[in-house]
C-alpha atoms as a PDB file:
ATOM      1  CA  MET A   1     -23.703   3.923   8.329  1.00  0.00           C
ATOM      2  CA  THR A   2     -26.102   4.414   5.809  1.00  0.00           C
ATOM      3  CA  LYS A   3     -25.187   3.511   2.477  1.00  0.00           C
ATOM      4  CA  ILE A   4     -26.984   5.076  -1.309  1.00  0.00           C
ATOM      5  CA  ASN A   5     -27.090   2.416  -4.217  1.00  0.00           C
ATOM      6  CA  ALA A   6     -26.485   4.593  -7.563  1.00  0.00           C
ATOM      7  CA  GLU A   7     -27.081   3.689 -11.295  1.00  0.00           C
ATOM      8  CA  PHE A   8     -26.061   5.307 -13.845  1.00  0.00           C
ATOM      9  CA  PRO A   9     -26.338   5.761 -17.891  1.00  0.00           C
ATOM     10  CA  ASP A  10     -24.058   2.990 -19.640  1.00  0.00           C
ATOM     11  CA  GLU A  11     -23.296   6.313 -21.777  1.00  0.00           C
ATOM     12  CA  PHE A  12     -21.780   7.733 -18.095  1.00  0.00           C
ATOM     13  CA  THR A  13     -20.184   4.828 -17.219  1.00  0.00           C
ATOM     14  CA  ASN A  14     -19.021   3.787 -20.367  1.00  0.00           C
ATOM     15  CA  SER A  15     -17.025   6.762 -20.663  1.00  0.00           C
ATOM     16  CA  ILE A  16     -15.652   7.047 -16.990  1.00  0.00           C
ATOM     17  CA  LYS A  17     -13.755   3.124 -18.576  1.00  0.00           C
ATOM     18  CA  ASN A  18     -12.479   4.326 -21.627  1.00  0.00           C
ATOM     19  CA  ALA A  19     -11.431   7.761 -20.053  1.00  0.00           C
ATOM     20  CA  ILE A  20      -9.240   4.998 -18.022  1.00  0.00           C
ATOM     21  CA  ILE A  21      -8.303   2.461 -20.326  1.00  0.00           C
ATOM     22  CA  GLN A  22      -6.744   5.346 -21.917  1.00  0.00           C
ATOM     23  CA  VAL A  23      -5.062   6.726 -19.453  1.00  0.00           C
ATOM     24  CA  ILE A  24      -3.427   3.635 -18.073  1.00  0.00           C
ATOM     25  CA  ASP A  25      -2.866   3.188 -22.462  1.00  0.00           C
ATOM     26  CA  GLU A  26      -0.461   6.451 -22.211  1.00  0.00           C
ATOM     27  CA  ALA A  27       1.219   5.835 -18.677  1.00  0.00           C
ATOM     28  CA  SER A  28       2.417   2.161 -20.301  1.00  0.00           C
ATOM     29  CA  LYS A  29       3.306   3.695 -23.462  1.00  0.00           C
ATOM     30  CA  SER A  30       5.504   6.274 -21.572  1.00  0.00           C
ATOM     31  CA  ALA A  31       6.891   4.262 -19.192  1.00  0.00           C
ATOM     32  CA  LEU A  32       8.056   2.074 -22.075  1.00  0.00           C
ATOM     33  CA  SER A  33      10.005   4.666 -24.083  1.00  0.00           C
ATOM     34  CA  ASP A  34      11.484   5.644 -21.634  1.00  0.00           C
ATOM     35  CA  GLN A  35      13.398   2.773 -20.962  1.00  0.00           C
ATOM     36  CA  TYR A  36      13.722   1.918 -25.178  1.00  0.00           C
ATOM     37  CA  PRO A  37      15.301   3.970 -27.905  1.00  0.00           C
ATOM     38  CA  THR A  38      13.155   5.047 -30.406  1.00  0.00           C
ATOM     39  CA  TYR A  39      15.041   2.634 -32.261  1.00  0.00           C
ATOM     40  CA  MET A  40      16.757   0.087 -30.504  1.00  0.00           C
ATOM     41  CA  THR A  41      19.897  -2.241 -31.425  1.00  0.00           C
ATOM     42  CA  LYS A  42      18.563  -6.053 -32.089  1.00  0.00           C
ATOM     43  CA  SER A  43      19.682  -6.685 -28.986  1.00  0.00           C
ATOM     44  CA  GLN A  44      17.144  -3.932 -27.363  1.00  0.00           C
ATOM     45  CA  ALA A  45      14.215  -4.632 -29.632  1.00  0.00           C
ATOM     46  CA  ALA A  46      14.502  -8.666 -28.930  1.00  0.00           C
ATOM     47  CA  GLN A  47      14.235  -6.643 -25.063  1.00  0.00           C
ATOM     48  CA  TYR A  48      11.513  -5.419 -25.643  1.00  0.00           C
ATOM     49  CA  LEU A  49       9.310  -7.758 -27.914  1.00  0.00           C
ATOM     50  CA  ASN A  50      10.952 -10.463 -24.797  1.00  0.00           C
ATOM     51  CA  ILE A  51      12.054 -12.575 -26.583  1.00  0.00           C
ATOM     52  CA  ALA A  52      15.025 -14.285 -27.338  1.00  0.00           C
ATOM     53  CA  LEU A  53      17.998 -13.184 -29.828  1.00  0.00           C
ATOM     54  CA  ASN A  54      17.069 -16.294 -31.855  1.00  0.00           C
ATOM     55  CA  THR A  55      14.079 -15.943 -31.923  1.00  0.00           C
ATOM     56  CA  LEU A  56      14.571 -12.463 -33.199  1.00  0.00           C
ATOM     57  CA  ASP A  57      17.125 -13.780 -36.005  1.00  0.00           C
ATOM     58  CA  GLN A  58      14.183 -15.909 -37.005  1.00  0.00           C
ATOM     59  CA  TRP A  59      11.156 -13.359 -37.702  1.00  0.00           C
ATOM     60  CA  ILE A  60      14.082 -11.851 -40.228  1.00  0.00           C
ATOM     61  CA  ALA A  61      13.900 -14.059 -41.729  1.00  0.00           C
ATOM     62  CA  THR A  62      10.546 -15.136 -42.213  1.00  0.00           C
ATOM     63  CA  THR A  63       8.156 -12.796 -41.533  1.00  0.00           C
ATOM     64  CA  ASN A  64       8.166  -8.681 -42.235  1.00  0.00           C
ATOM     65  CA  ILE A  65       8.905  -7.398 -39.331  1.00  0.00           C
ATOM     66  CA  PRO A  66       9.512  -4.041 -39.757  1.00  0.00           C
ATOM     67  CA  TYR A  67      13.125  -2.959 -39.875  1.00  0.00           C
ATOM     68  CA  VAL A  68      16.292  -0.942 -41.165  1.00  0.00           C
ATOM     69  CA  LYS A  69      19.816  -2.808 -41.944  1.00  0.00           C
ATOM     70  CA  PHE A  70      22.347  -0.525 -43.024  1.00  0.00           C
ATOM     71  CA  GLY A  71      25.659  -2.841 -44.133  1.00  0.00           C
ATOM     72  CA  LYS A  72      25.971  -4.795 -40.867  1.00  0.00           C
ATOM     73  CA  ILE A  73      24.330  -3.339 -38.400  1.00  0.00           C
ATOM     74  CA  TYR A  74      19.810  -3.691 -37.344  1.00  0.00           C
ATOM     75  CA  ARG A  75      17.439  -0.639 -36.197  1.00  0.00           C
ATOM     76  CA  PHE A  76      14.000  -1.008 -35.053  1.00  0.00           C
ATOM     77  CA  ASN A  77      11.643   1.567 -34.532  1.00  0.00           C
ATOM     78  CA  ARG A  78       9.884   0.956 -31.554  1.00  0.00           C
ATOM     79  CA  ASN A  79       6.575   2.235 -32.811  1.00  0.00           C
ATOM     80  CA  GLU A  80       6.499   0.093 -35.573  1.00  0.00           C
ATOM     81  CA  LEU A  81       7.259  -2.517 -33.566  1.00  0.00           C
ATOM     82  CA  ASP A  82       4.046  -2.084 -31.432  1.00  0.00           C
ATOM     83  CA  LYS A  83       2.400  -1.968 -34.867  1.00  0.00           C
ATOM     84  CA  PHE A  84       4.065  -5.328 -36.481  1.00  0.00           C
ATOM     85  CA  MET A  85       3.110  -7.431 -32.691  1.00  0.00           C
ATOM     86  CA  THR A  86      -0.179  -5.869 -32.657  1.00  0.00           C
ATOM     87  CA  SER A  87      -1.020  -6.630 -36.400  1.00  0.00           C
ATOM     88  CA  THR A  88       0.278 -10.419 -35.913  1.00  0.00           C
ATOM     89  CA  LYS A  89      -1.882 -13.586 -35.219  1.00  0.00           C
END
């Protein structure tokens, strides 16, 4: 069996890497959107964020976590939660 070694320009390999990363990112977002609705209850939001409900309550009281409250009902936008988590350090 003959081996062929080929080298490609960095621009080409970086383009392929970026395309693969984009496909994986889109697939994971699609999978999550199938599992979680755009607007979630407190329980769904805690599960989506993989935190305890008590932790979510603490975050509501002490951070700028995005939510909307109608009387006693809380709703969390999945996209806003994603932005919040990526901006939190």
